[in-house]
């Protein structure tokens, strides 16, 4: 299997230079349809590796690191709003000429994908949303710390208070407990990779600024009204939609699924009782089966 580093290219788009990761079956059979995978807050393109592997015979997949995340540098204009991320992904699709694509989004990436599909339906064949970050009031109590990242001054204060008291392994374990339904089920290899990625991100100067700026962007998007409101934009999406929710999700409550199913014109729902916030990582086989049902048989 090729390493991720061997399959990464950079693409210059308005306001940013993006790292784009090819699926491991990048030289797979002809006739595959293009797909783009968009990660969540604090994540990276690597979050999609397991699902991309399972769909490689059917989809010609690429996963993007959003501006400031993974191996993408921060946006040149500092725009980490939801619309700023949407602009970057649209720029990527236009530069690559791969649209329309099967678009996948998790958490923040889900909100990005909803807005993109509403604004540019010509670029989207289908939409798969894993725990999408759509406005939810009140939010789950366990999601409050993520929302607090948007408060001025608080992230720096938390960083000072925790400095020297928590090692990388402990911090990674906290993160895994937050996003996985059953972190004990991770293999030693997966756990070691998570620790290595966390350590790498600590060495990236812009990592915390990207996290805070994007968290503020999501909070700001939740307050938008009129045609820019995310739920209003969801109603405008005409592409077929697969909604994936985990009953153990600590960041996006399952109760959002009902509203999401009603909002999208053509929606189907997959509920995974044992999954947390990243079902595509925790239960990729189940998600892949549902995606295959969504996209149907290959075009002849």
Protein backbone atom coordinates (compact mmCIF):
# COMPACT_ATOMS: atom_id res chain seq x y z
CA UNK A 1 0.00 0.00 0.00
CA UNK A 2 1.39 3.41 -0.92
CA UNK A 3 2.10 5.82 1.88
CA UNK A 4 0.05 9.03 2.09
CA UNK A 5 3.19 11.10 1.46
CA UNK A 6 3.65 9.45 -1.93
CA UNK A 7 0.17 10.46 -3.05
CA UNK A 8 -0.03 14.11 -1.99
CA UNK A 9 -0.08 17.03 -4.39
CA UNK A 10 -0.58 20.72 -3.79
CA UNK A 11 -3.14 22.87 -5.57
CA UNK A 12 -3.22 26.65 -5.49
CA UNK A 13 -6.73 28.03 -5.07
CA UNK A 14 -8.02 31.53 -4.26
CA UNK A 15 -6.60 32.41 -0.85
CA UNK A 16 -4.79 29.15 -0.10
CA UNK A 17 -2.54 26.32 -1.23
CA UNK A 18 -4.18 22.97 -0.48
CA UNK A 19 -2.71 19.53 0.10
CA UNK A 20 -4.73 16.93 -1.78
CA UNK A 21 -4.35 13.21 -1.00
CA UNK A 22 -5.09 10.53 -3.57
CA UNK A 23 -6.83 7.32 -2.63
CA UNK A 24 -4.63 4.24 -2.37
CA UNK A 25 -6.32 2.81 -5.48
CA UNK A 26 -5.55 5.91 -7.51
CA UNK A 27 -4.69 3.73 -10.51
CA UNK A 28 -7.82 1.60 -10.20
CA UNK A 29 -10.23 0.47 -12.92
CA UNK A 30 -11.51 2.81 -15.60
CA UNK A 31 -15.03 4.13 -15.28
CA UNK A 32 -14.79 5.13 -11.64
CA UNK A 33 -16.56 8.36 -10.72
CA UNK A 34 -14.72 11.22 -9.00
CA UNK A 35 -15.15 11.81 -5.26
CA UNK A 36 -13.87 14.41 -2.81
CA UNK A 37 -13.64 13.91 0.96
CA UNK A 38 -13.66 16.87 3.40
CA UNK A 39 -12.60 16.39 7.03
CA UNK A 40 -13.87 17.95 10.24
CA UNK A 41 -12.59 20.48 12.78
CA UNK A 42 -9.10 19.52 13.94
CA UNK A 43 -8.96 16.63 11.47
CA UNK A 44 -7.16 16.01 8.19
CA UNK A 45 -7.46 14.08 4.96
CA UNK A 46 -6.16 11.01 6.80
CA UNK A 47 -9.54 10.73 8.54
CA UNK A 48 -10.94 9.34 5.29
CA UNK A 49 -8.27 6.75 4.45
CA UNK A 50 -10.24 3.69 5.62
CA UNK A 51 -13.41 4.65 3.75
CA UNK A 52 -11.54 5.66 0.61
CA UNK A 53 -9.78 2.28 0.60
CA UNK A 54 -13.12 0.46 0.74
CA UNK A 55 -14.59 2.48 -2.12
CA UNK A 56 -11.49 2.57 -4.33
CA UNK A 57 -12.93 0.12 -6.87
CA UNK A 58 -15.96 2.36 -7.36
CA UNK A 59 -14.76 5.91 -6.73
CA UNK A 60 -11.70 7.85 -7.88
CA UNK A 61 -11.26 9.51 -4.51
CA UNK A 62 -9.26 12.47 -3.27
CA UNK A 63 -9.25 13.92 0.24
CA UNK A 64 -8.36 17.55 0.90
CA UNK A 65 -6.70 19.16 3.91
CA UNK A 66 -8.70 22.33 4.54
CA UNK A 67 -6.70 25.58 4.86
CA UNK A 68 -4.63 25.46 8.05
CA UNK A 69 -5.16 21.74 8.66
CA UNK A 70 -3.19 18.62 7.84
CA UNK A 71 -0.49 19.53 5.35
CA UNK A 72 -2.23 22.65 3.99
CA UNK A 73 -0.86 26.02 4.99
CA UNK A 74 -3.07 28.70 6.53
CA UNK A 75 -5.15 30.85 4.18
CA UNK A 76 -3.22 33.85 2.88
CA UNK A 77 -6.05 36.22 3.82
CA UNK A 78 -6.70 34.60 7.21
CA UNK A 79 -10.25 33.68 6.21
CA UNK A 80 -11.16 30.59 8.26
CA UNK A 81 -14.89 31.17 8.11
CA UNK A 82 -17.20 28.48 6.81
CA UNK A 83 -17.55 30.39 3.55
CA UNK A 84 -13.76 30.69 3.36
CA UNK A 85 -13.43 26.90 3.51
CA UNK A 86 -16.22 26.54 0.94
CA UNK A 87 -14.39 28.94 -1.37
CA UNK A 88 -11.23 26.83 -1.08
CA UNK A 89 -13.02 23.56 -1.90
CA UNK A 90 -14.86 25.11 -4.85
CA UNK A 91 -11.51 26.45 -6.07
CA UNK A 92 -10.05 22.95 -5.84
CA UNK A 93 -12.88 21.37 -7.82
CA UNK A 94 -12.68 24.06 -10.48
CA UNK A 95 -8.88 23.85 -10.73
CA UNK A 96 -8.91 20.06 -11.01
CA UNK A 97 -11.85 19.92 -13.39
CA UNK A 98 -13.16 16.84 -11.58
CA UNK A 99 -16.70 17.97 -10.91
CA UNK A 100 -19.37 16.94 -10.47
CA UNK A 101 -18.10 14.70 -7.65
CA UNK A 102 -19.52 12.48 -4.98
CA UNK A 103 -18.89 14.80 -2.05
CA UNK A 104 -18.21 13.55 1.49
CA UNK A 105 -18.08 15.69 4.61
CA UNK A 106 -17.62 15.04 8.32
CA UNK A 107 -18.50 17.56 11.05
CA UNK A 108 -17.13 20.93 9.84
CA UNK A 109 -16.58 19.29 6.47
CA UNK A 110 -20.26 18.36 6.47
CA UNK A 111 -21.28 22.00 6.87
CA UNK A 112 -18.81 22.97 4.13
CA UNK A 113 -20.31 20.31 1.84
CA UNK A 114 -23.91 21.40 2.48
CA UNK A 115 -23.16 25.02 1.63
CA UNK A 116 -21.17 24.01 -1.43
CA UNK A 117 -23.93 21.73 -2.72
CA UNK A 118 -26.49 24.50 -2.26
CA UNK A 119 -24.39 27.16 -3.98
CA UNK A 120 -22.85 25.01 -6.73
CA UNK A 121 -25.13 22.07 -7.54
CA UNK A 122 -23.21 21.63 -10.79
CA UNK A 123 -20.23 20.36 -8.78
CA UNK A 124 -22.03 17.68 -6.74
CA UNK A 125 -23.35 14.25 -7.82
CA UNK A 126 -24.22 13.01 -4.33
CA UNK A 127 -23.62 14.09 -0.76
CA UNK A 128 -22.55 11.86 2.15
CA UNK A 129 -22.62 13.64 5.50
CA UNK A 130 -21.10 12.00 8.58
CA UNK A 131 -22.21 13.80 11.76
CA UNK A 132 -22.54 17.12 9.89
CA UNK A 133 -22.05 20.29 11.94
CA UNK A 134 -25.46 21.85 11.34
CA UNK A 135 -26.96 24.30 13.84
CA UNK A 136 -28.18 22.52 16.94
CA UNK A 137 -29.73 24.33 19.90
CA UNK A 138 -29.05 23.60 22.60
CA UNK A 139 -25.81 21.77 21.77
CA UNK A 140 -24.87 18.61 23.61
CA UNK A 141 -23.16 19.36 26.92
CA UNK A 142 -20.15 17.29 25.81
CA UNK A 143 -19.76 19.61 22.79
CA UNK A 144 -19.42 22.77 24.89
CA UNK A 145 -15.59 22.65 25.15
CA UNK A 146 -15.33 22.71 21.35
CA UNK A 147 -17.65 25.69 21.16
CA UNK A 148 -15.64 27.48 23.85
CA UNK A 149 -12.67 27.53 21.48
CA UNK A 150 -14.50 30.39 19.77
CA UNK A 151 -14.34 32.63 22.85
CA UNK A 152 -11.57 35.26 22.69
CA UNK A 153 -8.68 34.51 25.04
CA UNK A 154 -9.94 31.19 26.35
CA UNK A 155 -7.79 28.84 24.21
CA UNK A 156 -4.61 30.65 25.26
CA UNK A 157 -5.66 30.49 28.90
CA UNK A 158 -6.38 26.76 28.68
CA UNK A 159 -3.03 26.20 27.00
CA UNK A 160 -1.17 28.02 29.79
CA UNK A 161 -3.01 26.15 32.52
CA UNK A 162 -2.37 22.74 30.97
CA UNK A 163 1.24 23.32 29.88
CA UNK A 164 3.62 20.86 31.45
CA UNK A 165 0.87 18.76 33.03
CA UNK A 166 -0.29 16.68 30.08
CA UNK A 167 1.81 14.66 27.71
CA UNK A 168 0.96 13.95 24.10
CA UNK A 169 -0.33 10.44 24.84
CA UNK A 170 -2.77 11.73 27.46
CA UNK A 171 -3.98 14.53 25.20
CA UNK A 172 -4.48 12.09 22.34
CA UNK A 173 -6.44 9.77 24.60
CA UNK A 174 -8.77 12.64 25.54
CA UNK A 175 -9.33 13.37 21.86
CA UNK A 176 -10.04 9.74 21.04
CA UNK A 177 -12.58 9.53 23.87
CA UNK A 178 -14.28 12.62 22.46
CA UNK A 179 -14.66 11.45 18.87
CA UNK A 180 -14.90 7.64 19.09
CA UNK A 181 -17.84 5.71 20.44
CA UNK A 182 -15.51 2.99 21.71
CA UNK A 183 -11.87 4.16 21.73
CA UNK A 184 -10.84 0.90 23.40
CA UNK A 185 -11.53 -0.81 20.09
CA UNK A 186 -8.69 0.98 18.31
CA UNK A 187 -5.76 -1.17 17.29
CA UNK A 188 -2.32 -0.37 18.75
CA UNK A 189 -1.23 0.77 15.29
CA UNK A 190 -4.15 3.19 14.94
CA UNK A 191 -3.53 4.55 18.43
CA UNK A 192 0.18 5.07 17.68
CA UNK A 193 -0.70 6.87 14.44
CA UNK A 194 -3.07 9.16 16.35
CA UNK A 195 -0.34 10.03 18.85
CA UNK A 196 2.14 10.70 16.05
CA UNK A 197 -0.33 12.97 14.26
CA UNK A 198 -1.10 14.87 17.47
CA UNK A 199 2.62 15.37 18.08
CA UNK A 200 3.14 16.57 14.52
CA UNK A 201 0.34 19.12 14.84
CA UNK A 202 1.90 20.53 18.02
CA UNK A 203 4.93 21.41 15.94
CA UNK A 204 2.90 23.33 13.34
CA UNK A 205 2.94 27.05 14.24
CA UNK A 206 -0.46 27.85 12.75
CA UNK A 207 -2.32 24.75 14.03
CA UNK A 208 -4.02 26.34 17.05
CA UNK A 209 -4.91 29.50 15.12
CA UNK A 210 -6.55 27.39 12.40
CA UNK A 211 -8.49 25.40 14.98
CA UNK A 212 -9.70 28.50 16.83
CA UNK A 213 -10.49 30.44 13.66
CA UNK A 214 -12.48 27.57 12.17
CA UNK A 215 -14.36 27.01 15.45
CA UNK A 216 -15.33 30.68 15.42
CA UNK A 217 -16.36 30.30 11.80
CA UNK A 218 -18.75 27.47 12.67
CA UNK A 219 -20.25 29.40 15.59
CA UNK A 220 -20.72 32.42 13.31
CA UNK A 221 -22.34 30.26 10.62
CA UNK A 222 -24.80 28.92 13.19
CA UNK A 223 -26.10 32.47 13.73
CA UNK A 224 -26.61 33.30 10.05
CA UNK A 225 -30.17 33.92 8.90
CA UNK A 226 -31.99 34.18 5.60
CA UNK A 227 -30.60 32.52 2.50
CA UNK A 228 -27.21 32.00 4.19
CA UNK A 229 -28.69 29.92 7.02
CA UNK A 230 -27.33 26.39 6.85
CA UNK A 231 -30.71 24.71 7.31
CA UNK A 232 -32.15 26.91 4.56
CA UNK A 233 -29.27 25.90 2.31
CA UNK A 234 -29.86 22.23 3.14
CA UNK A 235 -33.37 22.62 1.74
CA UNK A 236 -31.87 23.80 -1.56
CA UNK A 237 -29.71 20.71 -2.06
CA UNK A 238 -31.09 18.55 -4.87
CA UNK A 239 -28.40 15.86 -4.96
CA UNK A 240 -29.17 12.57 -3.20
CA UNK A 241 -27.93 12.66 0.41
CA UNK A 242 -26.74 9.97 2.80
CA UNK A 243 -26.85 11.03 6.46
CA UNK A 244 -24.69 9.06 8.91
CA UNK A 245 -25.14 9.48 12.67
CA UNK A 246 -23.63 7.63 15.61
CA UNK A 247 -25.66 7.15 18.76
CA UNK A 248 -22.48 7.59 20.85
CA UNK A 249 -21.58 10.89 19.20
CA UNK A 250 -20.54 13.42 21.87
CA UNK A 251 -20.41 16.38 19.48
CA UNK A 252 -23.45 16.09 17.19
CA UNK A 253 -26.63 14.74 18.76
CA UNK A 254 -28.66 12.08 16.97
CA UNK A 255 -31.74 14.25 17.47
CA UNK A 256 -30.41 16.39 14.59
CA UNK A 257 -31.05 13.49 12.22
CA UNK A 258 -34.79 14.04 12.17
CA UNK A 259 -34.47 17.66 11.11
CA UNK A 260 -31.80 16.76 8.56
CA UNK A 261 -33.97 14.05 6.98
CA UNK A 262 -36.80 16.58 6.65
CA UNK A 263 -34.57 19.33 5.27
CA UNK A 264 -32.93 17.51 2.36
CA UNK A 265 -35.12 16.81 -0.66
CA UNK A 266 -33.69 13.31 -1.23
CA UNK A 267 -32.25 11.87 1.99
CA UNK A 268 -31.55 8.44 3.42
CA UNK A 269 -30.34 7.75 6.95
CA UNK A 270 -27.75 5.38 8.42
CA UNK A 271 -27.71 5.14 12.22
CA UNK A 272 -24.78 3.33 13.87
CA UNK A 273 -25.52 2.54 17.54
CA UNK A 274 -21.86 1.97 18.50
CA UNK A 275 -20.32 4.85 16.56
CA UNK A 276 -19.17 8.23 17.76
CA UNK A 277 -18.38 11.37 15.77
CA UNK A 278 -16.17 9.76 13.11
CA UNK A 279 -18.16 6.77 11.88
CA UNK A 280 -16.13 6.60 8.65
CA UNK A 281 -13.08 5.78 10.79
CA UNK A 282 -14.81 3.64 13.41
CA UNK A 283 -17.17 1.62 11.19
CA UNK A 284 -15.94 2.13 7.60
CA UNK A 285 -17.44 -1.11 6.29
CA UNK A 286 -20.99 -0.12 7.29
CA UNK A 287 -20.56 3.38 5.88
CA UNK A 288 -19.10 2.02 2.63
CA UNK A 289 -22.07 -0.32 2.14
CA UNK A 290 -24.48 2.58 2.56
CA UNK A 291 -22.49 4.73 0.14
CA UNK A 292 -22.64 1.99 -2.49
CA UNK A 293 -26.41 1.88 -2.13
CA UNK A 294 -26.55 5.66 -2.46
CA UNK A 295 -24.49 5.96 -5.62
CA UNK A 296 -25.92 2.85 -7.28
CA UNK A 297 -24.28 0.89 -10.05
CA UNK A 298 -21.48 2.27 -12.24
CA UNK A 299 -22.55 4.14 -15.35
CA UNK A 300 -22.23 2.08 -18.52
